[in-house]
Amino acid sequence: MSVVTLRQRAAQELDPAARALLGLSRTNLTLLLLIIAAVVIAIIETEPLVFIGHETLFSHLQIGFGLLFGAEYLARIWVAAESPGAGSNWHKRWTFIRSPSAIIDLVVVVASLLPLITANTAALRLLRLVRIVGLARLGRLSTAVHGIWQAIHSRRFELAVTAGLATILIVFGATALYWLEGDVQPDKFGSVPRALWWAVVTMTTIGYGDAFPITQGGKIAATLVAISGIGLIAMPTGILASAFSEAMQKHHDD
């Protein structure tokens, strides 16, 4: 009978893929709640009516979260040696350190512990917002987010083609409005870069109304861009919906 080492047990607690059972481990469930709490507190800190007068409390909470997430970061580096595949333990750890999820972890830890290093008010204010990227760490713990990533990766070629077509349409639309409306509304369409804002919000059907054509030619061009945008925006939606459904079905079958 094989003996499960402490590092293997820790890997099963921290890595959902290493667990034989479905669902989150108690450790990851606790981390999930801590991440949400840290982000909520980072958001609340931006409200002066709450933050002013309680700076010490929020600073201590921030440092506390930083220490907890720092310990988690070091633990994940340690258990990365249990990752499947070839390579030495240190090679696997180095691979983990360079991964996007580990970089996000490190950014959150540094942002949380910065009050121990500096008292620069502007830097602390900025890094209170940077800590909100901790929400991205939920992707490691969520099957749904993992499924979305699998869906995007499996349809990356189709999505790239759609993005390319959208970019071409945006540039052509902005160029057309610059040519048709540039002399009439130089503040809004006096250059292609200025017209790009209109082309983006029109193609995505947002249409803020801060810029719009007033000539007949400009209106015709805007109509073509808007109608084409509806189809282009719908394409990646259908691609992702199909891929996500396939990823979730594969997960259930496994």
C-alpha atoms as a PDB file:
ATOM      1  CA  MET A   1       0.000   0.000   0.000  1.00  0.00           C
ATOM      2  CA  SER A   2       1.438   3.347  -1.077  1.00  0.00           C
ATOM      3  CA  VAL A   3       2.039   6.006   1.548  1.00  0.00           C
ATOM      4  CA  VAL A   4       0.694   9.472   0.863  1.00  0.00           C
ATOM      5  CA  THR A   5       3.295  12.070   1.765  1.00  0.00           C
ATOM      6  CA  LEU A   6       2.564  15.414   3.396  1.00  0.00           C
ATOM      7  CA  ARG A   7       3.324  17.230   0.145  1.00  0.00           C
ATOM      8  CA  GLN A   8       0.917  14.998  -1.780  1.00  0.00           C
ATOM      9  CA  ARG A   9      -1.817  15.691   0.759  1.00  0.00           C
ATOM     10  CA  ALA A  10      -1.138  19.410   0.502  1.00  0.00           C
ATOM     11  CA  ALA A  11      -1.290  19.195  -3.300  1.00  0.00           C
ATOM     12  CA  GLN A  12      -4.681  17.501  -3.101  1.00  0.00           C
ATOM     13  CA  GLU A  13      -5.897  20.299  -0.839  1.00  0.00           C
ATOM     14  CA  LEU A  14      -4.603  23.122  -3.036  1.00  0.00           C
ATOM     15  CA  ASP A  15      -4.982  21.736  -6.567  1.00  0.00           C
ATOM     16  CA  PRO A  16      -8.543  20.721  -7.565  1.00  0.00           C
ATOM     17  CA  ALA A  17      -7.105  18.653 -10.437  1.00  0.00           C
ATOM     18  CA  ALA A  18      -5.190  16.507  -7.938  1.00  0.00           C
ATOM     19  CA  ARG A  19      -8.322  15.587  -5.980  1.00  0.00           C
ATOM     20  CA  ALA A  20     -10.054  12.289  -6.553  1.00  0.00           C
ATOM     21  CA  LEU A  21     -13.319  13.712  -5.189  1.00  0.00           C
ATOM     22  CA  LEU A  22     -15.467  16.293  -6.936  1.00  0.00           C
ATOM     23  CA  GLY A  23     -15.818  19.765  -5.491  1.00  0.00           C
ATOM     24  CA  LEU A  24     -13.489  22.019  -3.565  1.00  0.00           C
ATOM     25  CA  SER A  25     -11.389  20.897  -0.652  1.00  0.00           C
ATOM     26  CA  ARG A  26     -11.863  22.593   2.703  1.00  0.00           C
ATOM     27  CA  THR A  27      -8.640  24.510   2.169  1.00  0.00           C
ATOM     28  CA  ASN A  28      -9.711  25.851  -1.203  1.00  0.00           C
ATOM     29  CA  LEU A  29     -13.185  26.648   0.086  1.00  0.00           C
ATOM     30  CA  THR A  30     -11.577  28.692   2.862  1.00  0.00           C
ATOM     31  CA  LEU A  31      -9.331  30.423   0.331  1.00  0.00           C
ATOM     32  CA  LEU A  32     -12.357  31.157  -1.827  1.00  0.00           C
ATOM     33  CA  LEU A  33     -14.065  32.937   1.069  1.00  0.00           C
ATOM     34  CA  LEU A  34     -10.847  34.807   1.936  1.00  0.00           C
ATOM     35  CA  ILE A  35     -10.438  36.036  -1.646  1.00  0.00           C
ATOM     36  CA  ILE A  36     -13.999  37.323  -1.733  1.00  0.00           C
ATOM     37  CA  ALA A  37     -13.576  38.986   1.665  1.00  0.00           C
ATOM     38  CA  ALA A  38     -10.294  40.634   0.600  1.00  0.00           C
ATOM     39  CA  VAL A  39     -11.829  42.005  -2.589  1.00  0.00           C
ATOM     40  CA  VAL A  40     -14.917  43.287  -0.757  1.00  0.00           C
ATOM     41  CA  ILE A  41     -12.710  45.090   1.768  1.00  0.00           C
ATOM     42  CA  ALA A  42     -10.563  46.547  -1.035  1.00  0.00           C
ATOM     43  CA  ILE A  43     -13.735  47.914  -2.634  1.00  0.00           C
ATOM     44  CA  ILE A  44     -15.061  49.325   0.645  1.00  0.00           C
ATOM     45  CA  GLU A  45     -11.731  51.082   1.252  1.00  0.00           C
ATOM     46  CA  THR A  46     -12.382  53.303  -1.750  1.00  0.00           C
ATOM     47  CA  GLU A  47     -15.337  54.937   0.048  1.00  0.00           C
ATOM     48  CA  PRO A  48     -13.925  57.888   2.064  1.00  0.00           C
ATOM     49  CA  LEU A  49     -16.881  57.931   4.464  1.00  0.00           C
ATOM     50  CA  VAL A  50     -15.958  54.416   5.594  1.00  0.00           C
ATOM     51  CA  PHE A  51     -12.183  54.511   5.207  1.00  0.00           C
ATOM     52  CA  ILE A  52     -11.408  57.817   6.939  1.00  0.00           C
ATOM     53  CA  GLY A  53     -11.057  57.205  10.643  1.00  0.00           C
ATOM     54  CA  HIS A  54     -10.505  53.471  10.198  1.00  0.00           C
ATOM     55  CA  GLU A  55      -7.192  53.557   8.333  1.00  0.00           C
ATOM     56  CA  THR A  56      -5.394  51.407  10.921  1.00  0.00           C
ATOM     57  CA  LEU A  57      -8.091  48.714  10.874  1.00  0.00           C
ATOM     58  CA  PHE A  58      -8.070  48.470   7.087  1.00  0.00           C
ATOM     59  CA  SER A  59      -4.262  48.465   7.022  1.00  0.00           C
ATOM     60  CA  HIS A  60      -4.128  45.581   9.496  1.00  0.00           C
ATOM     61  CA  LEU A  61      -6.733  43.640   7.521  1.00  0.00           C
ATOM     62  CA  GLN A  62      -4.789  44.261   4.327  1.00  0.00           C
ATOM     63  CA  ILE A  63      -1.549  43.021   5.870  1.00  0.00           C
ATOM     64  CA  GLY A  64      -3.337  40.024   7.376  1.00  0.00           C
ATOM     65  CA  PHE A  65      -4.709  39.000   3.993  1.00  0.00           C
ATOM     66  CA  GLY A  66      -1.269  39.541   2.491  1.00  0.00           C
ATOM     67  CA  LEU A  67       0.375  37.218   4.999  1.00  0.00           C
ATOM     68  CA  LEU A  68      -2.277  34.522   4.441  1.00  0.00           C
ATOM     69  CA  PHE A  69      -2.025  34.747   0.664  1.00  0.00           C
ATOM     70  CA  GLY A  70       1.762  34.850   0.914  1.00  0.00           C
ATOM     71  CA  ALA A  71       1.719  31.584   2.847  1.00  0.00           C
ATOM     72  CA  GLU A  72      -0.613  30.116   0.227  1.00  0.00           C
ATOM     73  CA  TYR A  73       1.716  31.279  -2.565  1.00  0.00           C
ATOM     74  CA  LEU A  74       4.729  29.600  -0.948  1.00  0.00           C
ATOM     75  CA  ALA A  75       2.697  26.442  -0.324  1.00  0.00           C
ATOM     76  CA  ARG A  76       1.690  26.278  -3.978  1.00  0.00           C
ATOM     77  CA  ILE A  77       5.324  26.611  -5.020  1.00  0.00           C
ATOM     78  CA  TRP A  78       6.183  23.752  -2.666  1.00  0.00           C
ATOM     79  CA  VAL A  79       3.455  21.403  -3.925  1.00  0.00           C
ATOM     80  CA  ALA A  80       4.131  22.274  -7.584  1.00  0.00           C
ATOM     81  CA  ALA A  81       6.726  19.493  -7.454  1.00  0.00           C
ATOM     82  CA  GLU A  82       3.796  17.042  -7.437  1.00  0.00           C
ATOM     83  CA  SER A  83       2.627  18.214 -10.857  1.00  0.00           C
ATOM     84  CA  PRO A  84       2.480  15.380 -13.411  1.00  0.00           C
ATOM     85  CA  GLY A  85       5.007  15.279 -16.215  1.00  0.00           C
ATOM     86  CA  ALA A  86       8.712  15.107 -16.723  1.00  0.00           C
ATOM     87  CA  GLY A  87      11.237  17.406 -15.117  1.00  0.00           C
ATOM     88  CA  SER A  88      12.857  17.912 -11.768  1.00  0.00           C
ATOM     89  CA  ASN A  89      11.007  19.297  -8.757  1.00  0.00           C
ATOM     90  CA  TRP A  90      12.643  22.711  -9.175  1.00  0.00           C
ATOM     91  CA  HIS A  91      11.841  22.777 -12.887  1.00  0.00           C
ATOM     92  CA  LYS A  92       8.174  22.165 -12.126  1.00  0.00           C
ATOM     93  CA  ARG A  93       8.240  24.870  -9.455  1.00  0.00           C
ATOM     94  CA  TRP A  94       9.840  27.346 -11.823  1.00  0.00           C
ATOM     95  CA  THR A  95       7.189  26.516 -14.426  1.00  0.00           C
ATOM     96  CA  PHE A  96       4.495  27.278 -11.849  1.00  0.00           C
ATOM     97  CA  ILE A  97       6.137  30.576 -10.816  1.00  0.00           C
ATOM     98  CA  ARG A  98       6.069  31.760 -14.434  1.00  0.00           C
ATOM     99  CA  SER A  99       2.420  30.794 -14.945  1.00  0.00           C
ATOM    100  CA  PRO A 100      -0.226  33.575 -15.205  1.00  0.00           C
ATOM    101  CA  SER A 101      -2.061  32.366 -12.084  1.00  0.00           C
ATOM    102  CA  ALA A 102       1.129  32.464  -9.987  1.00  0.00           C
ATOM    103  CA  ILE A 103       1.961  35.956 -11.258  1.00  0.00           C
ATOM    104  CA  ILE A 104      -1.500  37.141 -10.208  1.00  0.00           C
ATOM    105  CA  ASP A 105      -0.942  35.549  -6.795  1.00  0.00           C
ATOM    106  CA  LEU A 106       2.356  37.385  -6.399  1.00  0.00           C
ATOM    107  CA  VAL A 107       0.848  40.736  -7.443  1.00  0.00           C
ATOM    108  CA  VAL A 108      -1.912  40.375  -4.844  1.00  0.00           C
ATOM    109  CA  VAL A 109       0.577  39.438  -2.114  1.00  0.00           C
ATOM    110  CA  VAL A 110       2.895  42.364  -2.897  1.00  0.00           C
ATOM    111  CA  ALA A 111      -0.020  44.804  -3.077  1.00  0.00           C
ATOM    112  CA  SER A 112      -1.342  43.608   0.274  1.00  0.00           C
ATOM    113  CA  LEU A 113       2.012  43.781   2.048  1.00  0.00           C
ATOM    114  CA  LEU A 114       3.111  47.150   0.651  1.00  0.00           C
ATOM    115  CA  PRO A 115       2.009  49.071   3.787  1.00  0.00           C
ATOM    116  CA  LEU A 116       4.885  47.296   5.567  1.00  0.00           C
ATOM    117  CA  ILE A 117       7.334  48.741   3.038  1.00  0.00           C
ATOM    118  CA  THR A 118       6.129  52.256   2.219  1.00  0.00           C
ATOM    119  CA  ALA A 119       3.835  54.961   3.553  1.00  0.00           C
ATOM    120  CA  ASN A 120       3.316  56.598   0.158  1.00  0.00           C
ATOM    121  CA  THR A 121      -0.386  57.496   0.130  1.00  0.00           C
ATOM    122  CA  ALA A 122      -0.716  57.588  -3.654  1.00  0.00           C
ATOM    123  CA  ALA A 123       0.938  54.176  -4.051  1.00  0.00           C
ATOM    124  CA  LEU A 124      -1.237  52.635  -1.356  1.00  0.00           C
ATOM    125  CA  ARG A 125      -4.362  54.077  -2.929  1.00  0.00           C
ATOM    126  CA  LEU A 126      -3.438  52.577  -6.291  1.00  0.00           C
ATOM    127  CA  LEU A 127      -2.556  49.194  -4.829  1.00  0.00           C
ATOM    128  CA  ARG A 128      -5.848  48.992  -2.929  1.00  0.00           C
ATOM    129  CA  LEU A 129      -7.396  48.821  -6.386  1.00  0.00           C
ATOM    130  CA  VAL A 130      -4.745  46.429  -7.720  1.00  0.00           C
ATOM    131  CA  ARG A 131      -5.799  43.943  -5.034  1.00  0.00           C
ATOM    132  CA  ILE A 132      -9.128  43.596  -6.835  1.00  0.00           C
ATOM    133  CA  VAL A 133      -7.324  41.470  -9.424  1.00  0.00           C
ATOM    134  CA  GLY A 134      -7.535  38.829  -6.715  1.00  0.00           C
ATOM    135  CA  LEU A 135     -10.910  38.018  -8.238  1.00  0.00           C
ATOM    136  CA  ALA A 136      -8.982  36.444 -11.110  1.00  0.00           C
ATOM    137  CA  ARG A 137      -7.623  33.933  -8.612  1.00  0.00           C
ATOM    138  CA  LEU A 138     -11.104  32.438  -8.366  1.00  0.00           C
ATOM    139  CA  GLY A 139     -10.494  30.921 -11.792  1.00  0.00           C
ATOM    140  CA  ARG A 140      -8.157  28.361 -10.242  1.00  0.00           C
ATOM    141  CA  LEU A 141     -10.925  27.248  -7.896  1.00  0.00           C
ATOM    142  CA  SER A 142     -13.880  27.377 -10.277  1.00  0.00           C
ATOM    143  CA  THR A 143     -14.824  24.598 -12.677  1.00  0.00           C
ATOM    144  CA  ALA A 144     -16.980  27.063 -14.619  1.00  0.00           C
ATOM    145  CA  VAL A 145     -14.119  29.503 -15.184  1.00  0.00           C
ATOM    146  CA  HIS A 146     -11.855  26.621 -16.172  1.00  0.00           C
ATOM    147  CA  GLY A 147     -14.530  25.506 -18.624  1.00  0.00           C
ATOM    148  CA  ILE A 148     -14.703  28.999 -20.120  1.00  0.00           C
ATOM    149  CA  TRP A 149     -10.926  29.030 -20.575  1.00  0.00           C
ATOM    150  CA  GLN A 150     -11.073  25.616 -22.274  1.00  0.00           C
ATOM    151  CA  ALA A 151     -13.840  26.924 -24.537  1.00  0.00           C
ATOM    152  CA  ILE A 152     -11.823  29.998 -25.527  1.00  0.00           C
ATOM    153  CA  HIS A 153      -8.672  27.955 -26.117  1.00  0.00           C
ATOM    154  CA  SER A 154     -10.454  25.365 -28.250  1.00  0.00           C
ATOM    155  CA  ARG A 155     -11.992  28.071 -30.452  1.00  0.00           C
ATOM    156  CA  ARG A 156      -9.007  30.421 -30.516  1.00  0.00           C
ATOM    157  CA  PHE A 157      -8.683  30.288 -34.325  1.00  0.00           C
ATOM    158  CA  GLU A 158     -12.347  31.117 -34.961  1.00  0.00           C
ATOM    159  CA  LEU A 159     -12.243  33.903 -32.371  1.00  0.00           C
ATOM    160  CA  ALA A 160      -9.061  35.324 -33.905  1.00  0.00           C
ATOM    161  CA  VAL A 161     -10.720  35.408 -37.335  1.00  0.00           C
ATOM    162  CA  THR A 162     -13.749  37.178 -35.868  1.00  0.00           C
ATOM    163  CA  ALA A 163     -11.538  39.689 -34.063  1.00  0.00           C
ATOM    164  CA  GLY A 164      -9.657  40.336 -37.294  1.00  0.00           C
ATOM    165  CA  LEU A 165     -12.876  40.987 -39.217  1.00  0.00           C
ATOM    166  CA  ALA A 166     -14.112  43.293 -36.470  1.00  0.00           C
ATOM    167  CA  THR A 167     -10.853  45.265 -36.536  1.00  0.00           C
ATOM    168  CA  ILE A 168     -11.061  45.665 -40.307  1.00  0.00           C
ATOM    169  CA  LEU A 169     -14.654  46.889 -40.079  1.00  0.00           C
ATOM    170  CA  ILE A 170     -13.785  49.364 -37.317  1.00  0.00           C
ATOM    171  CA  VAL A 171     -10.903  50.834 -39.340  1.00  0.00           C
ATOM    172  CA  PHE A 172     -12.970  51.047 -42.540  1.00  0.00           C
ATOM    173  CA  GLY A 173     -15.886  52.615 -40.674  1.00  0.00           C
ATOM    174  CA  ALA A 174     -13.666  55.197 -38.973  1.00  0.00           C
ATOM    175  CA  THR A 175     -11.980  56.019 -42.290  1.00  0.00           C
ATOM    176  CA  ALA A 176     -15.326  56.433 -44.042  1.00  0.00           C
ATOM    177  CA  LEU A 177     -16.652  58.788 -41.372  1.00  0.00           C
ATOM    178  CA  TYR A 178     -13.405  60.771 -41.427  1.00  0.00           C
ATOM    179  CA  TRP A 179     -13.815  61.236 -45.181  1.00  0.00           C
ATOM    180  CA  LEU A 180     -17.536  62.041 -45.039  1.00  0.00           C
ATOM    181  CA  GLU A 181     -17.774  63.990 -41.783  1.00  0.00           C
ATOM    182  CA  GLY A 182     -14.248  65.271 -41.100  1.00  0.00           C
ATOM    183  CA  ASP A 183     -14.878  68.745 -42.542  1.00  0.00           C
ATOM    184  CA  VAL A 184     -18.327  69.038 -40.965  1.00  0.00           C
ATOM    185  CA  GLN A 185     -17.442  67.791 -37.447  1.00  0.00           C
ATOM    186  CA  PRO A 186     -13.668  68.146 -37.082  1.00  0.00           C
ATOM    187  CA  ASP A 187     -13.846  67.793 -33.291  1.00  0.00           C
ATOM    188  CA  LYS A 188     -15.426  64.324 -33.586  1.00  0.00           C
ATOM    189  CA  PHE A 189     -14.346  63.017 -36.999  1.00  0.00           C
ATOM    190  CA  GLY A 190     -11.415  65.290 -37.875  1.00  0.00           C
ATOM    191  CA  SER A 191      -9.009  62.335 -37.958  1.00  0.00           C
ATOM    192  CA  VAL A 192      -9.210  58.567 -38.212  1.00  0.00           C
ATOM    193  CA  PRO A 193      -8.120  58.089 -34.558  1.00  0.00           C
ATOM    194  CA  ARG A 194     -10.944  60.416 -33.433  1.00  0.00           C
ATOM    195  CA  ALA A 195     -13.445  58.523 -35.565  1.00  0.00           C
ATOM    196  CA  LEU A 196     -12.274  55.176 -34.159  1.00  0.00           C
ATOM    197  CA  TRP A 197     -14.154  55.848 -30.896  1.00  0.00           C
ATOM    198  CA  TRP A 198     -17.396  56.308 -32.807  1.00  0.00           C
ATOM    199  CA  ALA A 199     -16.730  53.168 -34.873  1.00  0.00           C
ATOM    200  CA  VAL A 200     -16.135  51.031 -31.773  1.00  0.00           C
ATOM    201  CA  VAL A 201     -19.237  52.148 -29.850  1.00  0.00           C
ATOM    202  CA  THR A 202     -21.387  51.904 -32.979  1.00  0.00           C
ATOM    203  CA  MET A 203     -20.211  48.448 -33.985  1.00  0.00           C
ATOM    204  CA  THR A 204     -20.724  47.129 -30.454  1.00  0.00           C
ATOM    205  CA  THR A 205     -24.246  48.651 -30.522  1.00  0.00           C
ATOM    206  CA  ILE A 206     -23.513  50.775 -27.422  1.00  0.00           C
ATOM    207  CA  GLY A 207     -23.956  54.102 -29.185  1.00  0.00           C
ATOM    208  CA  TYR A 208     -23.319  56.647 -26.428  1.00  0.00           C
ATOM    209  CA  GLY A 209     -24.567  59.496 -28.628  1.00  0.00           C
ATOM    210  CA  ASP A 210     -21.548  61.739 -28.015  1.00  0.00           C
ATOM    211  CA  ALA A 211     -20.595  61.425 -31.692  1.00  0.00           C
ATOM    212  CA  PHE A 212     -22.897  60.752 -34.636  1.00  0.00           C
ATOM    213  CA  PRO A 213     -22.996  61.619 -38.357  1.00  0.00           C
ATOM    214  CA  ILE A 214     -25.171  64.467 -39.625  1.00  0.00           C
ATOM    215  CA  THR A 215     -24.615  64.225 -43.389  1.00  0.00           C
ATOM    216  CA  GLN A 216     -26.549  61.819 -45.604  1.00  0.00           C
ATOM    217  CA  GLY A 217     -23.412  60.001 -46.672  1.00  0.00           C
ATOM    218  CA  GLY A 218     -22.251  59.687 -43.069  1.00  0.00           C
ATOM    219  CA  LYS A 219     -25.610  58.284 -42.006  1.00  0.00           C
ATOM    220  CA  ILE A 220     -25.526  55.676 -44.764  1.00  0.00           C
ATOM    221  CA  ALA A 221     -22.005  54.611 -43.793  1.00  0.00           C
ATOM    222  CA  ALA A 222     -23.001  54.504 -40.114  1.00  0.00           C
ATOM    223  CA  THR A 223     -25.994  52.306 -40.959  1.00  0.00           C
ATOM    224  CA  LEU A 224     -23.775  49.798 -42.766  1.00  0.00           C
ATOM    225  CA  VAL A 225     -21.285  49.727 -39.883  1.00  0.00           C
ATOM    226  CA  ALA A 226     -24.041  49.265 -37.289  1.00  0.00           C
ATOM    227  CA  ILE A 227     -25.759  46.445 -39.187  1.00  0.00           C
ATOM    228  CA  SER A 228     -22.457  44.681 -39.871  1.00  0.00           C
ATOM    229  CA  GLY A 229     -21.493  45.075 -36.215  1.00  0.00           C
ATOM    230  CA  ILE A 230     -24.589  43.216 -35.042  1.00  0.00           C
ATOM    231  CA  GLY A 231     -23.554  40.163 -37.030  1.00  0.00           C
ATOM    232  CA  LEU A 232     -19.896  40.318 -36.008  1.00  0.00           C
ATOM    233  CA  ILE A 233     -20.694  40.704 -32.310  1.00  0.00           C
ATOM    234  CA  ALA A 234     -23.093  37.749 -32.471  1.00  0.00           C
ATOM    235  CA  MET A 235     -20.486  35.445 -34.052  1.00  0.00           C
ATOM    236  CA  PRO A 236     -18.130  35.064 -31.049  1.00  0.00           C
ATOM    237  CA  THR A 237     -21.151  34.685 -28.771  1.00  0.00           C
ATOM    238  CA  GLY A 238     -22.308  31.639 -30.707  1.00  0.00           C
ATOM    239  CA  ILE A 239     -18.774  30.253 -30.981  1.00  0.00           C
ATOM    240  CA  LEU A 240     -18.175  30.533 -27.228  1.00  0.00           C
ATOM    241  CA  ALA A 241     -21.622  29.201 -26.302  1.00  0.00           C
ATOM    242  CA  SER A 242     -21.070  26.074 -28.390  1.00  0.00           C
ATOM    243  CA  ALA A 243     -17.540  25.531 -27.086  1.00  0.00           C
ATOM    244  CA  PHE A 244     -18.555  26.102 -23.457  1.00  0.00           C
ATOM    245  CA  SER A 245     -21.414  23.617 -23.801  1.00  0.00           C
ATOM    246  CA  GLU A 246     -18.999  21.037 -25.197  1.00  0.00           C
ATOM    247  CA  ALA A 247     -16.490  21.673 -22.376  1.00  0.00           C
ATOM    248  CA  MET A 248     -19.149  21.280 -19.690  1.00  0.00           C
ATOM    249  CA  GLN A 249     -20.500  18.111 -21.321  1.00  0.00           C
ATOM    250  CA  LYS A 250     -16.981  16.669 -21.417  1.00  0.00           C
ATOM    251  CA  HIS A 251     -16.515  17.561 -17.740  1.00  0.00           C
ATOM    252  CA  HIS A 252     -19.768  15.777 -16.797  1.00  0.00           C
ATOM    253  CA  ASP A 253     -18.835  12.721 -18.872  1.00  0.00           C
ATOM    254  CA  ASP A 254     -15.444  12.516 -17.150  1.00  0.00           C
END
